Amino acid sequence: MHGQARGRRRRVRPAIPSESAVLWTLHRALVDDACAFETFVAPGPEPVDGTAGFVLVCEVRDAIVGYLSLVEVDGSRWELRALGVTPEHRRTGVAAALLHDALRRLPASVCGLEGTAPDERSAAWAEALGFTLDRTGGAVRARGDVTHLRERT
């Protein structure tokens, strides 16, 4: 089901620099936080300002309906910095397709992926995919073993 979204063909691909304003606008509309994309919109995991990172988008009928941003924490761990799906495409597998593609693109040396779940629905989604949750300190942190996550997505 990685290729379909409500019966329509979807495609996951790296974001391109000219899409950074569109992604920023979409992210602000969905999440309303201050995470910026400009630094990491690149063809793949390449160093930018001393940090590696990349952004993927999911398209349906040539419209961006979802995005994912990953950044390197250190050589073996990366962080899921942002993940969003437009309301009309939620629960259609777009987020899972983005995560699946992101895991495939990570360097072989990466063994851990982590992120913060902004709400209980996101936390439940992460847990169902194989992340372990840490609820100490007020925020829900999700941590996953990349090999295990690759097998589950």
C-alpha atoms as a PDB file:
ATOM      1  CA  MET A   1       0.000   0.000   0.000  1.00  0.00           C
ATOM      2  CA  HIS A   2       3.058   2.306  -0.057  1.00  0.00           C
ATOM      3  CA  GLY A   3       2.092   3.478  -3.557  1.00  0.00           C
ATOM      4  CA  GLN A   4      -1.592   4.323  -3.054  1.00  0.00           C
ATOM      5  CA  ALA A   5      -3.492   7.028  -1.154  1.00  0.00           C
ATOM      6  CA  ARG A   6      -7.270   6.704  -1.308  1.00  0.00           C
ATOM      7  CA  GLY A   7      -7.029   5.009  -4.670  1.00  0.00           C
ATOM      8  CA  ARG A   8      -4.712   7.656  -6.142  1.00  0.00           C
ATOM      9  CA  ARG A   9      -1.089   7.116  -7.058  1.00  0.00           C
ATOM     10  CA  ARG A  10       1.338   8.704  -4.609  1.00  0.00           C
ATOM     11  CA  ARG A  11       5.031   9.340  -4.923  1.00  0.00           C
ATOM     12  CA  VAL A  12       7.646   9.969  -2.230  1.00  0.00           C
ATOM     13  CA  ARG A  13      10.676  11.938  -3.327  1.00  0.00           C
ATOM     14  CA  PRO A  14      13.306  14.338  -1.957  1.00  0.00           C
ATOM     15  CA  ALA A  15      12.153  17.921  -1.655  1.00  0.00           C
ATOM     16  CA  ILE A  16      13.846  20.442  -3.915  1.00  0.00           C
ATOM     17  CA  PRO A  17      15.120  23.872  -2.813  1.00  0.00           C
ATOM     18  CA  SER A  18      12.409  25.758  -4.700  1.00  0.00           C
ATOM     19  CA  GLU A  19       9.784  24.012  -2.506  1.00  0.00           C
ATOM     20  CA  SER A  20      11.082  25.320   0.830  1.00  0.00           C
ATOM     21  CA  ALA A  21       8.522  28.157   1.004  1.00  0.00           C
ATOM     22  CA  VAL A  22       5.661  25.768   0.176  1.00  0.00           C
ATOM     23  CA  LEU A  23       6.855  23.304   2.827  1.00  0.00           C
ATOM     24  CA  TRP A  24       7.258  26.041   5.415  1.00  0.00           C
ATOM     25  CA  THR A  25       3.717  27.298   4.737  1.00  0.00           C
ATOM     26  CA  LEU A  26       2.271  23.773   4.870  1.00  0.00           C
ATOM     27  CA  HIS A  27       4.166  22.986   8.068  1.00  0.00           C
ATOM     28  CA  ARG A  28       2.984  26.175   9.777  1.00  0.00           C
ATOM     29  CA  ALA A  29      -0.614  25.418   8.764  1.00  0.00           C
ATOM     30  CA  LEU A  30      -0.463  21.862  10.120  1.00  0.00           C
ATOM     31  CA  VAL A  31       1.777  22.144  13.152  1.00  0.00           C
ATOM     32  CA  ASP A  32       2.187  25.821  14.098  1.00  0.00           C
ATOM     33  CA  ASP A  33       5.748  25.649  15.384  1.00  0.00           C
ATOM     34  CA  ALA A  34       9.049  27.226  14.448  1.00  0.00           C
ATOM     35  CA  CYS A  35      10.855  24.322  12.716  1.00  0.00           C
ATOM     36  CA  ALA A  36      12.367  25.602   9.464  1.00  0.00           C
ATOM     37  CA  PHE A  37      13.010  23.586   6.308  1.00  0.00           C
ATOM     38  CA  GLU A  38      15.282  25.910   4.357  1.00  0.00           C
ATOM     39  CA  THR A  39      18.518  24.403   5.698  1.00  0.00           C
ATOM     40  CA  PHE A  40      17.648  20.797   4.919  1.00  0.00           C
ATOM     41  CA  VAL A  41      15.787  20.900   1.601  1.00  0.00           C
ATOM     42  CA  ALA A  42      18.358  19.062  -0.490  1.00  0.00           C
ATOM     43  CA  PRO A  43      18.504  16.053  -2.833  1.00  0.00           C
ATOM     44  CA  GLY A  44      19.682  13.703  -0.113  1.00  0.00           C
ATOM     45  CA  PRO A  45      21.560  13.325   3.162  1.00  0.00           C
ATOM     46  CA  GLU A  46      24.363  15.800   2.456  1.00  0.00           C
ATOM     47  CA  PRO A  47      26.148  18.031   4.957  1.00  0.00           C
ATOM     48  CA  VAL A  48      24.606  21.497   5.217  1.00  0.00           C
ATOM     49  CA  ASP A  49      26.176  23.963   7.664  1.00  0.00           C
ATOM     50  CA  GLY A  50      27.944  21.086   9.414  1.00  0.00           C
ATOM     51  CA  THR A  51      24.749  19.053   9.886  1.00  0.00           C
ATOM     52  CA  ALA A  52      23.351  16.320   7.687  1.00  0.00           C
ATOM     53  CA  GLY A  53      19.642  16.239   7.010  1.00  0.00           C
ATOM     54  CA  PHE A  54      17.008  15.848   4.338  1.00  0.00           C
ATOM     55  CA  VAL A  55      13.368  16.491   3.592  1.00  0.00           C
ATOM     56  CA  LEU A  56      11.057  14.147   1.730  1.00  0.00           C
ATOM     57  CA  VAL A  57       7.670  15.006   0.281  1.00  0.00           C
ATOM     58  CA  CYS A  58       4.757  12.829  -0.718  1.00  0.00           C
ATOM     59  CA  GLU A  59       2.752  13.858  -3.769  1.00  0.00           C
ATOM     60  CA  VAL A  60      -0.683  12.808  -4.947  1.00  0.00           C
ATOM     61  CA  ARG A  61      -1.685  14.097  -8.369  1.00  0.00           C
ATOM     62  CA  ASP A  62       1.347  16.434  -8.387  1.00  0.00           C
ATOM     63  CA  ALA A  63       0.293  18.118  -5.112  1.00  0.00           C
ATOM     64  CA  ILE A  64       2.382  17.841  -1.956  1.00  0.00           C
ATOM     65  CA  VAL A  65       0.214  16.125   0.668  1.00  0.00           C
ATOM     66  CA  GLY A  66       2.879  15.206   3.222  1.00  0.00           C
ATOM     67  CA  TYR A  67       6.458  15.880   4.269  1.00  0.00           C
ATOM     68  CA  LEU A  68       9.136  14.509   6.570  1.00  0.00           C
ATOM     69  CA  SER A  69      12.346  16.141   7.794  1.00  0.00           C
ATOM     70  CA  LEU A  70      15.265  14.227   9.329  1.00  0.00           C
ATOM     71  CA  VAL A  71      18.489  15.625  10.794  1.00  0.00           C
ATOM     72  CA  GLU A  72      21.628  13.933  12.039  1.00  0.00           C
ATOM     73  CA  VAL A  73      22.174  13.992  15.804  1.00  0.00           C
ATOM     74  CA  ASP A  74      25.487  12.154  15.598  1.00  0.00           C
ATOM     75  CA  GLY A  75      26.906   9.525  13.269  1.00  0.00           C
ATOM     76  CA  SER A  76      24.663   6.746  14.546  1.00  0.00           C
ATOM     77  CA  ARG A  77      21.457   8.615  15.514  1.00  0.00           C
ATOM     78  CA  TRP A  78      19.084  10.798  13.514  1.00  0.00           C
ATOM     79  CA  GLU A  79      16.075  12.814  14.629  1.00  0.00           C
ATOM     80  CA  LEU A  80      12.662  12.991  13.014  1.00  0.00           C
ATOM     81  CA  ARG A  81      12.337  16.774  13.130  1.00  0.00           C
ATOM     82  CA  ALA A  82       9.007  17.202  11.329  1.00  0.00           C
ATOM     83  CA  LEU A  83       6.282  15.014   9.843  1.00  0.00           C
ATOM     84  CA  GLY A  84       2.983  16.300   8.527  1.00  0.00           C
ATOM     85  CA  VAL A  85       0.122  15.125   6.328  1.00  0.00           C
ATOM     86  CA  THR A  86      -2.739  17.248   5.023  1.00  0.00           C
ATOM     87  CA  PRO A  87      -6.038  16.467   6.786  1.00  0.00           C
ATOM     88  CA  GLU A  88      -7.683  14.950   3.709  1.00  0.00           C
ATOM     89  CA  HIS A  89      -4.804  12.458   3.293  1.00  0.00           C
ATOM     90  CA  ARG A  90      -4.423  11.359   6.905  1.00  0.00           C
ATOM     91  CA  ARG A  91      -4.957   7.679   7.701  1.00  0.00           C
ATOM     92  CA  THR A  92      -4.187   6.712   4.100  1.00  0.00           C
ATOM     93  CA  GLY A  93      -0.594   5.534   4.667  1.00  0.00           C
ATOM     94  CA  VAL A  94       1.153   8.753   3.589  1.00  0.00           C
ATOM     95  CA  ALA A  95       3.085   9.143   6.879  1.00  0.00           C
ATOM     96  CA  ALA A  96       4.121   5.470   6.871  1.00  0.00           C
ATOM     97  CA  ALA A  97       5.255   5.754   3.231  1.00  0.00           C
ATOM     98  CA  LEU A  98       7.361   8.814   4.090  1.00  0.00           C
ATOM     99  CA  LEU A  99       8.933   7.040   7.072  1.00  0.00           C
ATOM    100  CA  HIS A 100       9.568   3.885   5.026  1.00  0.00           C
ATOM    101  CA  ASP A 101      11.354   5.887   2.325  1.00  0.00           C
ATOM    102  CA  ALA A 102      13.330   7.902   4.891  1.00  0.00           C
ATOM    103  CA  LEU A 103      14.561   4.740   6.612  1.00  0.00           C
ATOM    104  CA  ARG A 104      15.662   3.376   3.251  1.00  0.00           C
ATOM    105  CA  ARG A 105      17.688   6.540   2.577  1.00  0.00           C
ATOM    106  CA  LEU A 106      19.511   6.669   5.915  1.00  0.00           C
ATOM    107  CA  PRO A 107      23.192   5.697   5.837  1.00  0.00           C
ATOM    108  CA  ALA A 108      23.910   2.096   6.875  1.00  0.00           C
ATOM    109  CA  SER A 109      25.801   3.336   9.951  1.00  0.00           C
ATOM    110  CA  VAL A 110      22.635   4.802  11.486  1.00  0.00           C
ATOM    111  CA  CYS A 111      21.190   2.629  14.241  1.00  0.00           C
ATOM    112  CA  GLY A 112      18.800   4.988  16.065  1.00  0.00           C
ATOM    113  CA  LEU A 113      15.948   7.305  15.120  1.00  0.00           C
ATOM    114  CA  GLU A 114      14.205   9.538  17.618  1.00  0.00           C
ATOM    115  CA  GLY A 115      11.664  12.312  17.758  1.00  0.00           C
ATOM    116  CA  THR A 116       9.051  14.021  19.894  1.00  0.00           C
ATOM    117  CA  ALA A 117       5.402  13.040  19.554  1.00  0.00           C
ATOM    118  CA  PRO A 118       3.311  16.233  19.787  1.00  0.00           C
ATOM    119  CA  ASP A 119       0.113  14.453  20.857  1.00  0.00           C
ATOM    120  CA  GLU A 120      -1.229  11.066  21.932  1.00  0.00           C
ATOM    121  CA  ARG A 121      -2.385  10.133  18.407  1.00  0.00           C
ATOM    122  CA  SER A 122       1.167  10.677  17.104  1.00  0.00           C
ATOM    123  CA  ALA A 123       2.600   8.742  20.040  1.00  0.00           C
ATOM    124  CA  ALA A 124       0.274   5.788  19.362  1.00  0.00           C
ATOM    125  CA  TRP A 125       1.240   5.843  15.656  1.00  0.00           C
ATOM    126  CA  ALA A 126       4.953   5.820  16.521  1.00  0.00           C
ATOM    127  CA  GLU A 127       4.487   3.016  19.033  1.00  0.00           C
ATOM    128  CA  ALA A 128       2.539   0.915  16.499  1.00  0.00           C
ATOM    129  CA  LEU A 129       5.457   1.251  14.066  1.00  0.00           C
ATOM    130  CA  GLY A 130       7.925  -0.041  16.644  1.00  0.00           C
ATOM    131  CA  PHE A 131       9.194   3.066  18.444  1.00  0.00           C
ATOM    132  CA  THR A 132       9.529   2.913  22.220  1.00  0.00           C
ATOM    133  CA  LEU A 133       8.023   5.843  24.106  1.00  0.00           C
ATOM    134  CA  ASP A 134       9.497   7.790  27.006  1.00  0.00           C
ATOM    135  CA  ARG A 135       6.944   9.993  28.780  1.00  0.00           C
ATOM    136  CA  THR A 136       9.264  11.440  31.435  1.00  0.00           C
ATOM    137  CA  GLY A 137       9.815  15.184  31.521  1.00  0.00           C
ATOM    138  CA  GLY A 138       6.452  16.241  30.066  1.00  0.00           C
ATOM    139  CA  ALA A 139       7.203  15.527  26.396  1.00  0.00           C
ATOM    140  CA  VAL A 140       6.703  12.152  24.734  1.00  0.00           C
ATOM    141  CA  ARG A 141      10.003  11.085  23.174  1.00  0.00           C
ATOM    142  CA  ALA A 142       9.927   8.265  20.638  1.00  0.00           C
ATOM    143  CA  ARG A 143      13.057   6.198  20.060  1.00  0.00           C
ATOM    144  CA  GLY A 144      13.509   3.439  17.559  1.00  0.00           C
ATOM    145  CA  ASP A 145      16.118   0.974  16.421  1.00  0.00           C
ATOM    146  CA  VAL A 146      16.517   1.576  12.684  1.00  0.00           C
ATOM    147  CA  THR A 147      16.934  -2.109  11.809  1.00  0.00           C
ATOM    148  CA  HIS A 148      13.732  -2.958  13.696  1.00  0.00           C
ATOM    149  CA  LEU A 149      11.844  -0.025  12.157  1.00  0.00           C
ATOM    150  CA  ARG A 150      12.948  -0.985   8.641  1.00  0.00           C
ATOM    151  CA  GLU A 151      11.483  -4.443   9.195  1.00  0.00           C
ATOM    152  CA  ARG A 152       8.152  -3.038  10.423  1.00  0.00           C
ATOM    153  CA  THR A 153       7.459  -0.350   7.814  1.00  0.00           C
END
